[in-house]
PDB file of N, CA and C in Angstrom:
ATOM      1  N   MET A   1       0.837  -1.207   0.000  1.00  0.00           N
ATOM      2  CA  MET A   1       0.000   0.000   0.000  1.00  0.00           C
ATOM      3  C   MET A   1       0.871   1.255   0.000  1.00  0.00           C
ATOM      4  N   ILE A   2       0.280   2.348  -0.397  1.00  0.00           N
ATOM      5  CA  ILE A   2       1.025   3.603  -0.439  1.00  0.00           C
ATOM      6  C   ILE A   2       1.025   4.310   0.907  1.00  0.00           C
ATOM      7  N   PHE A   3       0.286   3.746   1.889  1.00  0.00           N
ATOM      8  CA  PHE A   3       0.129   4.435   3.155  1.00  0.00           C
ATOM      9  C   PHE A   3       1.268   4.070   4.103  1.00  0.00           C
ATOM     10  N   ASP A   4       2.356   4.815   4.042  1.00  0.00           N
ATOM     11  CA  ASP A   4       3.439   4.665   5.007  1.00  0.00           C
ATOM     12  C   ASP A   4       3.287   5.791   6.020  1.00  0.00           C
ATOM     13  N   ASP A   5       2.409   5.579   6.986  1.00  0.00           N
ATOM     14  CA  ASP A   5       1.996   6.664   7.866  1.00  0.00           C
ATOM     15  C   ASP A   5       3.183   7.288   8.587  1.00  0.00           C
ATOM     16  N   ASN A   6       4.019   6.465   9.197  1.00  0.00           N
ATOM     17  CA  ASN A   6       5.132   6.990   9.977  1.00  0.00           C
ATOM     18  C   ASN A   6       6.070   7.819   9.114  1.00  0.00           C
ATOM     19  N   GLU A   7       6.380   7.316   7.933  1.00  0.00           N
ATOM     20  CA  GLU A   7       7.306   8.032   7.067  1.00  0.00           C
ATOM     21  C   GLU A   7       6.737   9.390   6.676  1.00  0.00           C
ATOM     22  N   ARG A   8       5.441   9.408   6.361  1.00  0.00           N
ATOM     23  CA  ARG A   8       4.849  10.658   5.913  1.00  0.00           C
ATOM     24  C   ARG A   8       4.680  11.638   7.069  1.00  0.00           C
ATOM     25  N   ILE A   9       4.485  11.105   8.275  1.00  0.00           N
ATOM     26  CA  ILE A   9       4.402  11.992   9.437  1.00  0.00           C
ATOM     27  C   ILE A   9       5.770  12.629   9.679  1.00  0.00           C
ATOM     28  N   VAL A  10       6.820  11.847   9.508  1.00  0.00           N
ATOM     29  CA  VAL A  10       8.174  12.346   9.747  1.00  0.00           C
ATOM     30  C   VAL A  10       8.575  13.359   8.686  1.00  0.00           C
ATOM     31  N   THR A  11       8.285  13.029   7.420  1.00  0.00           N
ATOM     32  CA  THR A  11       8.721  13.900   6.333  1.00  0.00           C
ATOM     33  C   THR A  11       7.789  15.083   6.166  1.00  0.00           C
ATOM     34  N   GLY A  12       6.510  14.880   6.420  1.00  0.00           N
ATOM     35  CA  GLY A  12       5.544  15.946   6.233  1.00  0.00           C
ATOM     36  C   GLY A  12       5.157  16.119   4.780  1.00  0.00           C
ATOM     37  N   ASP A  13       5.743  15.305   3.888  1.00  0.00           N
ATOM     38  CA  ASP A  13       5.456  15.454   2.460  1.00  0.00           C
ATOM     39  C   ASP A  13       3.999  15.114   2.153  1.00  0.00           C
ATOM     40  N   PHE A  14       3.400  14.259   2.965  1.00  0.00           N
ATOM     41  CA  PHE A  14       2.028  13.837   2.683  1.00  0.00           C
ATOM     42  C   PHE A  14       1.070  15.019   2.746  1.00  0.00           C
ATOM     43  N   LEU A  15       1.424  16.036   3.494  1.00  0.00           N
ATOM     44  CA  LEU A  15       0.537  17.198   3.607  1.00  0.00           C
ATOM     45  C   LEU A  15       0.326  17.850   2.251  1.00  0.00           C
ATOM     46  N   GLU A  16       1.364  17.822   1.410  1.00  0.00           N
ATOM     47  CA  GLU A  16       1.248  18.468   0.105  1.00  0.00           C
ATOM     48  C   GLU A  16       0.958  17.455  -0.995  1.00  0.00           C
ATOM     49  N   GLU A  17       1.701  16.334  -0.990  1.00  0.00           N
ATOM     50  CA  GLU A  17       1.650  15.405  -2.118  1.00  0.00           C
ATOM     51  C   GLU A  17       0.431  14.490  -2.054  1.00  0.00           C
ATOM     52  N   ASP A  18       0.097  14.009  -0.863  1.00  0.00           N
ATOM     53  CA  ASP A  18      -0.955  13.000  -0.747  1.00  0.00           C
ATOM     54  C   ASP A  18      -2.231  13.550  -0.115  1.00  0.00           C
ATOM     55  N   ALA A  19      -2.315  14.879   0.014  1.00  0.00           N
ATOM     56  CA  ALA A  19      -3.486  15.478   0.667  1.00  0.00           C
ATOM     57  C   ALA A  19      -4.766  15.035  -0.028  1.00  0.00           C
ATOM     58  N   ASP A  20      -4.793  15.113  -1.354  1.00  0.00           N
ATOM     59  CA  ASP A  20      -6.003  14.757  -2.095  1.00  0.00           C
ATOM     60  C   ASP A  20      -6.334  13.283  -1.908  1.00  0.00           C
ATOM     61  N   ILE A  21      -5.320  12.432  -1.885  1.00  0.00           N
ATOM     62  CA  ILE A  21      -5.541  10.997  -1.721  1.00  0.00           C
ATOM     63  C   ILE A  21      -6.108  10.722  -0.332  1.00  0.00           C
ATOM     64  N   GLU A  22      -5.529  11.350   0.685  1.00  0.00           N
ATOM     65  CA  GLU A  22      -5.989  11.134   2.054  1.00  0.00           C
ATOM     66  C   GLU A  22      -7.420  11.620   2.215  1.00  0.00           C
ATOM     67  N   VAL A  23      -7.714  12.776   1.684  1.00  0.00           N
ATOM     68  CA  VAL A  23      -9.067  13.329   1.798  1.00  0.00           C
ATOM     69  C   VAL A  23     -10.060  12.419   1.094  1.00  0.00           C
ATOM     70  N   GLY A  24      -9.626  11.824  -0.006  1.00  0.00           N
ATOM     71  CA  GLY A  24     -10.526  10.969  -0.773  1.00  0.00           C
ATOM     72  C   GLY A  24     -10.769   9.629  -0.094  1.00  0.00           C
ATOM     73  N   LEU A  25      -9.746   9.071   0.547  1.00  0.00           N
ATOM     74  CA  LEU A  25      -9.853   7.716   1.073  1.00  0.00           C
ATOM     75  C   LEU A  25     -10.016   7.684   2.591  1.00  0.00           C
ATOM     76  N   ARG A  26      -9.252   8.525   3.295  1.00  0.00           N
ATOM     77  CA  ARG A  26      -9.259   8.445   4.752  1.00  0.00           C
ATOM     78  C   ARG A  26      -9.291   9.843   5.378  1.00  0.00           C
ATOM     79  N   PRO A  27     -10.370  10.579   5.221  1.00  0.00           N
ATOM     80  CA  PRO A  27     -10.449  11.943   5.735  1.00  0.00           C
ATOM     81  C   PRO A  27     -10.291  12.008   7.254  1.00  0.00           C
ATOM     82  N   ARG A  28     -10.790  10.994   7.953  1.00  0.00           N
ATOM     83  CA  ARG A  28     -10.705  11.014   9.411  1.00  0.00           C
ATOM     84  C   ARG A  28      -9.254  10.919   9.862  1.00  0.00           C
ATOM     85  N   GLU A  29      -8.499  10.003   9.256  1.00  0.00           N
ATOM     86  CA  GLU A  29      -7.109   9.830   9.664  1.00  0.00           C
ATOM     87  C   GLU A  29      -6.275  11.026   9.237  1.00  0.00           C
ATOM     88  N   LEU A  30      -6.611  11.625   8.102  1.00  0.00           N
ATOM     89  CA  LEU A  30      -5.902  12.825   7.672  1.00  0.00           C
ATOM     90  C   LEU A  30      -6.064  13.906   8.723  1.00  0.00           C
ATOM     91  N   GLY A  31      -7.260  14.052   9.249  1.00  0.00           N
ATOM     92  CA  GLY A  31      -7.498  15.028  10.306  1.00  0.00           C
ATOM     93  C   GLY A  31      -6.636  14.746  11.526  1.00  0.00           C
ATOM     94  N   GLU A  32      -6.425  13.456  11.812  1.00  0.00           N
ATOM     95  CA  GLU A  32      -5.596  13.091  12.955  1.00  0.00           C
ATOM     96  C   GLU A  32      -4.141  13.461  12.700  1.00  0.00           C
ATOM     97  N   TYR A  33      -3.667  13.248  11.474  1.00  0.00           N
ATOM     98  CA  TYR A  33      -2.287  13.594  11.149  1.00  0.00           C
ATOM     99  C   TYR A  33      -2.073  15.093  11.292  1.00  0.00           C
ATOM    100  N   VAL A  34      -2.991  15.872  10.728  1.00  0.00           N
ATOM    101  CA  VAL A  34      -2.873  17.332  10.793  1.00  0.00           C
ATOM    102  C   VAL A  34      -2.943  17.798  12.244  1.00  0.00           C
ATOM    103  N   GLY A  35      -3.776  17.120  13.027  1.00  0.00           N
ATOM    104  CA  GLY A  35      -3.916  17.480  14.430  1.00  0.00           C
ATOM    105  C   GLY A  35      -2.627  17.279  15.206  1.00  0.00           C
ATOM    106  N   GLN A  36      -1.840  16.292  14.800  1.00  0.00           N
ATOM    107  CA  GLN A  36      -0.582  16.028  15.478  1.00  0.00           C
ATOM    108  C   GLN A  36       0.459  17.050  15.068  1.00  0.00           C
TER     109      GLN A  36
END
């Protein structure tokens, strides 16, 4: 899967690159990542 949560939390790249994917598939978890 493309969801490497720890790596994206560390790099922060998911905020820009995978934002649309997260919003489309896992909006709740995206909110949790942003909250952290």
